[in-house]
Amino acid sequence: MTLRILVAGAGISGLAVARGLRIAGFRPDVVEELPATMSPGAGIYLPGSASRALRQLGLDAPLRPLGDLIFRQVFQDAAGRELFELDVAALWAGVGESRALSRADLQQVLLTGVGGVVRYDTAVRDLAIIDGAAKVEFGDGSVAEYDLVVGADGRRSTIREKAGLGGAAVPTGQIVYRSVVSGGPSLSDWTALLGDRAQFVAMPMGGRRLYCYADETAGPDVPNPTDPRARLRELFGSFGGCVPAILDAIEKVQVARTDEVTIDAWSTGPVLLVGDAAHATAPSLAQGAAMALEDAVVLGEVLKAAGGDVRAGLHAYEQRRRDRCGRVREQTHERDRTRDVDPAERDPMLRRRGQRIFTDHYRPLVEPF
């Protein structure tokens, strides 16, 4: 099967798609707007569903030495008193291990799995569909024609805009803070402390480091803090548990807004959106990478099954992926609504029913995709 395929974006989604296509017998071009020297600095939590997809991409072995396995998720109130816990090893039994690791390490595993050269510093400037093919103009002025263009370029996707598949991502009303901490307290579990419309999450990620993720609910008119580290101390300085020791050890903090992408169609002609470009959500369920990795597996499978018929393949792709990604969005909204209930009402409810409620959020994702 000879198809001219372009993958726009060399993050988790783009590299995974390139890997899935290569396994299916295709040889895509991969371009990335950013330079090769730009390495992600945060950590990432991969639930069992992500590990299953990585195994299907043949990339589970190089991942095994990296990061730290997560067996339990422990939920606490703002004072550090336990609300409930999830046995994630049991939840994902037979599916895959849950792991926290450096995003840069995951990126490197995916990059080595591509087997081809990524063209960095290469932006897609324009895209036009002509006679069933996609004509792409790059930032350097060069032009190429493809049978399929895969937009794996994230929430602010250029491909989505140029193909007319949807507008800008919609803010979810959260400001998020991410940090990798060395010299903090020793943690063996993924640990979340829930406050008043704010939460602080920390987990071991290997190398005696912790990956920390925190968020607060904030309206669109509230600007991002100019000093994220100071804002973290302001938000969580009264928290108990592991938080005080982590705040003492934190040095650098990344701050961002969360947003989501909900569009009526993921493809038009020979153009397809995958990952966050198609179905981004807030990271509350930690399923963003898992959904992107599953996208990659499915796209390779459906194009191979369709014998290279792009139209049939993309139709089959949307049929297989839309309901599952929609469920993740719905469960993400439900998780966020639960988090934002007043603690006086929420905390007693979670002590009684939290394990069942949060297990139910994940249960549909245990099923094969």
Protein backbone atom coordinates (compact mmCIF):
# COMPACT_ATOMS: atom_id res chain seq x y z
CA MET A 1 0.00 0.00 0.00
CA THR A 2 1.54 3.28 -1.07
CA LEU A 3 -0.13 6.31 0.45
CA ARG A 4 1.45 9.70 0.80
CA ILE A 5 0.73 10.56 4.43
CA LEU A 6 1.70 13.62 6.44
CA VAL A 7 1.54 13.70 10.24
CA ALA A 8 1.56 17.28 11.51
CA GLY A 9 2.87 17.36 15.07
CA ALA A 10 5.58 15.36 16.83
CA GLY A 11 4.27 15.31 20.36
CA ILE A 12 2.78 12.22 22.00
CA SER A 13 -0.12 12.04 19.55
CA GLY A 14 1.85 12.61 16.35
CA LEU A 15 4.67 10.20 17.17
CA ALA A 16 2.20 7.54 18.29
CA VAL A 17 0.22 7.90 15.05
CA ALA A 18 3.41 7.67 13.01
CA ARG A 19 4.27 4.47 14.88
CA GLY A 20 0.79 3.01 14.35
CA LEU A 21 0.95 3.79 10.64
CA ARG A 22 4.40 2.21 10.28
CA ILE A 23 3.19 -0.99 11.96
CA ALA A 24 0.34 -1.03 9.42
CA GLY A 25 2.81 -0.80 6.54
CA PHE A 26 2.74 2.94 5.78
CA ARG A 27 5.65 5.38 5.78
CA PRO A 28 4.37 8.80 6.84
CA ASP A 29 6.24 12.09 6.80
CA VAL A 30 6.29 13.75 10.23
CA VAL A 31 6.73 17.49 10.71
CA GLU A 32 6.92 19.57 13.86
CA GLU A 33 6.77 23.34 14.14
CA LEU A 34 9.00 23.50 17.22
CA PRO A 35 12.77 22.88 17.20
CA ALA A 36 14.18 19.49 18.20
CA THR A 37 15.77 21.10 21.27
CA MET A 38 12.34 21.78 22.83
CA SER A 39 11.92 18.99 25.36
CA PRO A 40 8.83 18.69 27.60
CA GLY A 41 9.76 19.41 31.20
CA ALA A 42 6.81 18.05 33.18
CA GLY A 43 5.82 14.56 34.18
CA ILE A 44 2.88 12.45 33.05
CA TYR A 45 0.66 9.78 34.56
CA LEU A 46 -0.20 6.87 32.27
CA PRO A 47 -3.13 4.73 33.47
CA GLY A 48 -3.53 1.11 32.44
CA SER A 49 -5.44 2.06 29.30
CA ALA A 50 -2.40 3.98 28.04
CA SER A 51 -0.08 1.07 28.78
CA ARG A 52 -2.34 -1.28 26.81
CA ALA A 53 -2.17 0.99 23.77
CA LEU A 54 1.62 1.29 24.07
CA ARG A 55 1.83 -2.50 24.16
CA GLN A 56 -0.23 -2.69 20.96
CA LEU A 57 2.20 -0.20 19.42
CA GLY A 58 5.07 -2.48 20.44
CA LEU A 59 6.54 0.11 22.82
CA ASP A 60 5.88 -1.41 26.23
CA ALA A 61 9.34 -2.97 26.64
CA PRO A 62 11.38 0.28 26.41
CA LEU A 63 8.94 1.89 28.84
CA ARG A 64 9.39 -0.68 31.63
CA PRO A 65 12.62 0.73 33.14
CA LEU A 66 11.24 4.27 33.23
CA GLY A 67 9.37 6.12 35.94
CA ASP A 68 7.53 4.53 38.84
CA LEU A 69 4.63 2.09 38.92
CA ILE A 70 1.47 3.36 40.61
CA PHE A 71 -0.56 0.77 42.52
CA ARG A 72 -2.90 3.00 44.53
CA GLN A 73 -4.58 6.37 44.25
CA VAL A 74 -5.16 7.95 47.64
CA PHE A 75 -7.66 10.80 47.99
CA GLN A 76 -7.47 13.08 51.03
CA ASP A 77 -9.19 16.21 52.26
CA ALA A 78 -7.29 19.50 52.49
CA ALA A 79 -5.98 18.60 55.94
CA GLY A 80 -4.50 15.32 54.68
CA ARG A 81 -7.16 13.05 56.18
CA GLU A 82 -8.05 10.10 53.97
CA LEU A 83 -11.31 10.23 52.03
CA PHE A 84 -10.94 6.96 50.10
CA GLU A 85 -8.47 5.08 47.94
CA LEU A 86 -8.53 3.26 44.62
CA ASP A 87 -6.65 0.02 44.01
CA VAL A 88 -5.58 0.93 40.47
CA ALA A 89 -3.56 -2.26 40.11
CA ALA A 90 -6.79 -4.23 40.54
CA LEU A 91 -8.81 -1.80 38.44
CA TRP A 92 -6.51 -2.19 35.42
CA ALA A 93 -5.66 -5.86 36.04
CA GLY A 94 -5.27 -7.62 32.69
CA VAL A 95 -5.18 -4.27 30.90
CA GLY A 96 -1.85 -2.66 31.78
CA GLU A 97 0.28 -1.12 34.49
CA SER A 98 -0.19 2.45 35.67
CA ARG A 99 3.00 4.50 35.63
CA ALA A 100 4.23 8.03 36.32
CA LEU A 101 7.30 9.19 34.40
CA SER A 102 8.97 12.10 32.71
CA ARG A 103 7.21 13.38 29.58
CA ALA A 104 10.63 13.69 27.98
CA ASP A 105 11.26 9.97 28.57
CA LEU A 106 7.90 9.03 27.03
CA GLN A 107 8.63 11.32 24.10
CA GLN A 108 11.98 9.61 23.53
CA VAL A 109 10.40 6.13 23.57
CA LEU A 110 7.87 7.25 20.98
CA LEU A 111 10.53 8.94 18.88
CA THR A 112 12.69 5.82 18.71
CA GLY A 113 9.57 3.88 17.68
CA VAL A 114 8.92 6.05 14.64
CA GLY A 115 11.91 4.74 12.72
CA GLY A 116 12.03 7.78 10.46
CA VAL A 117 13.21 11.34 10.54
CA VAL A 118 11.04 14.06 12.05
CA ARG A 119 11.38 17.38 10.25
CA TYR A 120 11.58 19.91 13.05
CA ASP A 121 11.24 23.69 12.62
CA THR A 122 8.68 22.89 9.92
CA ALA A 123 5.29 24.56 10.27
CA VAL A 124 2.22 23.93 8.15
CA ARG A 125 1.36 27.36 6.76
CA ASP A 126 -1.63 26.44 4.61
CA LEU A 127 -3.70 23.49 3.44
CA ALA A 128 -6.11 23.06 0.55
CA ILE A 129 -8.12 20.04 -0.64
CA ILE A 130 -7.87 19.72 -4.41
CA ASP A 131 -9.24 16.76 -6.41
CA GLY A 132 -9.39 14.57 -3.31
CA ALA A 133 -5.79 15.24 -2.28
CA ALA A 134 -4.40 17.62 0.33
CA LYS A 135 -1.99 20.28 -0.88
CA VAL A 136 0.18 21.50 1.98
CA GLU A 137 2.33 24.61 2.08
CA PHE A 138 5.08 24.62 4.69
CA GLY A 139 6.67 27.53 6.51
CA ASP A 140 9.72 27.54 4.26
CA GLY A 141 7.50 28.03 1.20
CA SER A 142 7.77 24.46 -0.07
CA VAL A 143 4.61 22.65 -1.21
CA ALA A 144 3.73 18.93 -1.19
CA GLU A 145 0.65 16.87 -1.97
CA TYR A 146 -0.65 14.06 0.25
CA ASP A 147 -3.34 11.38 0.14
CA LEU A 148 -3.87 11.88 3.88
CA VAL A 149 -2.95 14.64 6.33
CA VAL A 150 -3.22 13.77 10.03
CA GLY A 151 -3.50 16.77 12.32
CA ALA A 152 -1.84 15.77 15.58
CA ASP A 153 -0.97 19.35 16.45
CA GLY A 154 -2.82 19.75 19.72
CA ARG A 155 -5.57 21.87 21.18
CA ARG A 156 -4.65 24.92 19.13
CA SER A 157 -4.44 22.90 15.93
CA THR A 158 -3.49 24.70 12.73
CA ILE A 159 -4.80 21.74 10.72
CA ARG A 160 -8.20 22.02 12.40
CA GLU A 161 -8.38 25.70 11.46
CA LYS A 162 -7.12 25.32 7.87
CA ALA A 163 -9.40 22.36 7.17
CA GLY A 164 -12.44 24.17 8.56
CA LEU A 165 -13.17 21.41 11.07
CA GLY A 166 -13.82 23.64 14.06
CA GLY A 167 -12.99 26.78 15.93
CA ALA A 168 -10.75 27.46 18.87
CA ALA A 169 -10.60 25.24 21.95
CA VAL A 170 -13.04 26.29 24.69
CA PRO A 171 -11.64 27.13 28.16
CA THR A 172 -12.81 24.80 30.93
CA GLY A 173 -12.33 27.33 33.72
CA GLN A 174 -9.23 25.80 35.31
CA ILE A 175 -5.72 27.11 35.84
CA VAL A 176 -3.22 24.26 36.20
CA TYR A 177 0.21 24.17 37.79
CA ARG A 178 2.81 21.49 37.02
CA SER A 179 6.19 20.83 38.58
CA VAL A 180 8.81 18.11 38.90
CA VAL A 181 10.22 18.14 42.43
CA SER A 182 13.49 16.70 43.70
CA GLY A 183 14.27 16.49 47.39
CA GLY A 184 10.63 16.40 48.45
CA PRO A 185 8.96 13.89 50.78
CA SER A 186 8.99 10.19 50.00
CA LEU A 187 5.72 9.10 48.37
CA SER A 188 4.76 5.62 47.22
CA ASP A 189 1.21 6.41 46.04
CA TRP A 190 -0.51 8.79 43.65
CA THR A 191 -1.91 11.21 46.23
CA ALA A 192 -4.57 13.90 45.78
CA LEU A 193 -5.66 16.46 48.35
CA LEU A 194 -9.02 18.08 47.57
CA GLY A 195 -9.72 21.62 48.74
CA ASP A 196 -12.33 24.24 47.95
CA ARG A 197 -12.47 24.28 44.11
CA ALA A 198 -8.79 23.38 44.05
CA GLN A 199 -6.76 20.18 44.25
CA PHE A 200 -3.12 19.21 44.71
CA VAL A 201 -1.84 15.92 43.25
CA ALA A 202 1.60 14.37 43.73
CA MET A 203 3.08 11.04 42.65
CA PRO A 204 6.48 9.32 42.48
CA MET A 205 7.96 9.34 38.96
CA GLY A 206 11.30 7.59 39.49
CA GLY A 207 14.75 8.93 40.27
CA ARG A 208 13.56 10.13 43.72
CA ARG A 209 11.45 12.77 41.99
CA LEU A 210 7.80 13.70 42.35
CA TYR A 211 5.47 14.88 39.62
CA CYS A 212 3.08 17.47 41.02
CA TYR A 213 -0.10 18.70 39.39
CA ALA A 214 -2.41 21.26 40.96
CA ASP A 215 -5.37 23.23 39.70
CA GLU A 216 -7.86 25.88 40.72
CA THR A 217 -11.20 26.90 39.29
CA ALA A 218 -10.99 30.42 37.85
CA GLY A 219 -13.12 32.44 35.45
CA PRO A 220 -11.85 33.59 32.05
CA ASP A 221 -11.36 37.14 33.32
CA VAL A 222 -8.89 35.97 35.99
CA PRO A 223 -5.36 36.32 34.57
CA ASN A 224 -2.70 33.66 34.94
CA PRO A 225 -0.50 34.43 37.97
CA THR A 226 2.74 36.25 37.23
CA ASP A 227 4.48 34.20 39.94
CA PRO A 228 3.06 30.64 39.76
CA ARG A 229 5.22 29.39 42.64
CA ALA A 230 3.93 32.13 44.94
CA ARG A 231 0.36 31.42 43.84
CA LEU A 232 0.80 27.73 44.69
CA ARG A 233 1.90 28.71 48.19
CA GLU A 234 -1.06 31.04 48.51
CA LEU A 235 -3.54 28.39 47.32
CA PHE A 236 -2.19 25.39 49.18
CA GLY A 237 -0.19 26.85 52.09
CA SER A 238 -2.87 25.76 54.56
CA PHE A 239 -3.04 22.17 53.24
CA GLY A 240 -1.75 19.27 55.30
CA GLY A 241 -0.41 15.83 54.38
CA CYS A 242 2.54 15.85 51.99
CA VAL A 243 1.84 19.35 50.64
CA PRO A 244 3.92 21.53 53.04
CA ALA A 245 7.11 19.53 52.39
CA ILE A 246 6.49 19.62 48.64
CA LEU A 247 5.89 23.37 48.62
CA ASP A 248 9.21 23.82 50.43
CA ALA A 249 10.99 21.80 47.75
CA ILE A 250 9.31 23.20 44.62
CA GLU A 251 11.57 25.37 42.47
CA LYS A 252 10.00 25.76 39.01
CA VAL A 253 6.29 25.77 38.21
CA GLN A 254 4.62 25.70 34.78
CA VAL A 255 1.22 27.36 34.55
CA ALA A 256 -1.44 26.93 31.86
CA ARG A 257 -5.17 27.08 31.17
CA THR A 258 -7.11 23.94 30.41
CA ASP A 259 -9.53 23.84 27.52
CA GLU A 260 -11.48 21.29 25.54
CA VAL A 261 -12.22 20.57 21.90
CA THR A 262 -15.68 19.38 20.89
CA ILE A 263 -16.34 19.34 17.13
CA ASP A 264 -18.95 17.75 14.89
CA ALA A 265 -16.50 15.96 12.56
CA TRP A 266 -12.90 14.90 12.90
CA SER A 267 -12.26 14.53 9.18
CA THR A 268 -13.00 16.16 5.87
CA GLY A 269 -11.82 14.63 2.63
CA PRO A 270 -8.23 13.45 3.13
CA VAL A 271 -7.70 15.37 6.41
CA LEU A 272 -8.10 13.82 9.88
CA LEU A 273 -7.67 15.21 13.39
CA VAL A 274 -6.40 12.99 16.22
CA GLY A 275 -5.56 13.40 19.90
CA ASP A 276 -6.11 16.78 21.48
CA ALA A 277 -6.68 18.40 18.09
CA ALA A 278 -9.93 16.40 17.87
CA HIS A 279 -11.10 15.68 21.43
CA ALA A 280 -9.08 17.50 24.09
CA THR A 281 -10.50 17.56 27.62
CA ALA A 282 -9.40 18.83 31.00
CA PRO A 283 -6.80 16.41 32.44
CA SER A 284 -8.96 15.35 35.41
CA LEU A 285 -9.12 11.67 34.37
CA ALA A 286 -5.53 11.57 33.06
CA GLN A 287 -6.78 10.02 29.82
CA GLY A 288 -5.41 12.51 27.26
CA ALA A 289 -2.32 10.48 26.39
CA ALA A 290 -4.28 7.21 26.54
CA MET A 291 -6.86 8.48 24.05
CA ALA A 292 -4.12 9.72 21.71
CA LEU A 293 -2.31 6.37 21.89
CA GLU A 294 -5.55 4.50 21.23
CA ASP A 295 -6.20 6.81 18.25
CA ALA A 296 -2.84 5.75 16.85
CA VAL A 297 -3.58 2.04 17.16
CA VAL A 298 -7.02 2.35 15.59
CA LEU A 299 -5.94 4.56 12.69
CA GLY A 300 -3.28 2.08 11.59
CA GLU A 301 -5.73 -0.80 11.88
CA VAL A 302 -8.56 0.81 9.90
CA LEU A 303 -6.35 2.09 7.08
CA LYS A 304 -4.77 -1.33 6.71
CA ALA A 305 -8.18 -3.04 6.75
CA ALA A 306 -9.46 -0.57 4.15
CA GLY A 307 -6.60 -1.47 1.82
CA GLY A 308 -5.45 2.13 1.73
CA ASP A 309 -8.92 3.50 0.88
CA VAL A 310 -8.63 6.76 2.83
CA ARG A 311 -12.33 7.67 2.73
CA ALA A 312 -13.43 4.24 4.02
CA GLY A 313 -10.65 4.17 6.59
CA LEU A 314 -11.49 7.57 8.07
CA HIS A 315 -15.18 6.71 8.24
CA ALA A 316 -14.36 3.50 10.13
CA TYR A 317 -11.97 5.43 12.39
CA GLU A 318 -14.63 7.90 13.53
CA GLN A 319 -17.12 5.05 14.03
CA ARG A 320 -14.71 3.33 16.42
CA ARG A 321 -13.41 6.34 18.32
CA ARG A 322 -16.21 8.86 18.78
CA ASP A 323 -18.27 7.14 21.49
CA ARG A 324 -15.25 6.25 23.60
CA CYS A 325 -13.75 9.74 23.47
CA GLY A 326 -17.19 11.19 24.17
CA ARG A 327 -17.48 9.07 27.30
CA VAL A 328 -14.12 10.38 28.51
CA ARG A 329 -15.35 13.95 28.05
CA GLU A 330 -18.59 13.23 29.94
CA GLN A 331 -16.78 11.50 32.81
CA THR A 332 -14.26 14.36 32.94
CA HIS A 333 -17.13 16.82 33.38
CA GLU A 334 -18.60 14.61 36.09
CA ARG A 335 -15.25 14.37 37.91
CA ASP A 336 -14.84 18.15 37.79
CA ARG A 337 -18.38 18.74 39.07
CA THR A 338 -17.69 16.39 41.96
CA ARG A 339 -14.45 18.17 42.77
CA ASP A 340 -16.16 21.58 42.85
CA VAL A 341 -18.90 20.61 45.32
CA ASP A 342 -18.50 22.47 48.62
CA PRO A 343 -16.08 20.42 50.79
CA ALA A 344 -18.56 20.32 53.68
CA GLU A 345 -20.88 18.30 51.47
CA ARG A 346 -18.34 16.62 49.19
CA ASP A 347 -15.93 15.14 51.73
CA PRO A 348 -18.48 13.08 53.74
CA MET A 349 -20.01 11.88 50.46
CA LEU A 350 -16.59 10.78 49.13
CA ARG A 351 -15.82 8.94 52.37
CA ARG A 352 -18.99 6.94 51.88
CA ARG A 353 -19.10 6.50 48.13
CA GLY A 354 -15.91 7.88 46.59
CA GLN A 355 -14.37 4.54 45.74
CA ARG A 356 -17.45 3.41 43.81
CA ILE A 357 -18.00 6.76 42.08
CA PHE A 358 -14.42 7.13 40.88
CA THR A 359 -14.13 3.46 39.89
CA ASP A 360 -17.24 3.90 37.75
CA HIS A 361 -15.52 6.79 35.93
CA TYR A 362 -12.86 4.38 34.68
CA ARG A 363 -14.78 1.16 34.28
CA PRO A 364 -15.85 1.71 30.63
CA LEU A 365 -12.20 2.34 29.71
CA VAL A 366 -11.16 -1.09 30.98
CA GLU A 367 -13.05 -2.58 28.04
CA PRO A 368 -11.13 -3.09 24.75
CA PHE A 369 -11.23 -0.28 22.25
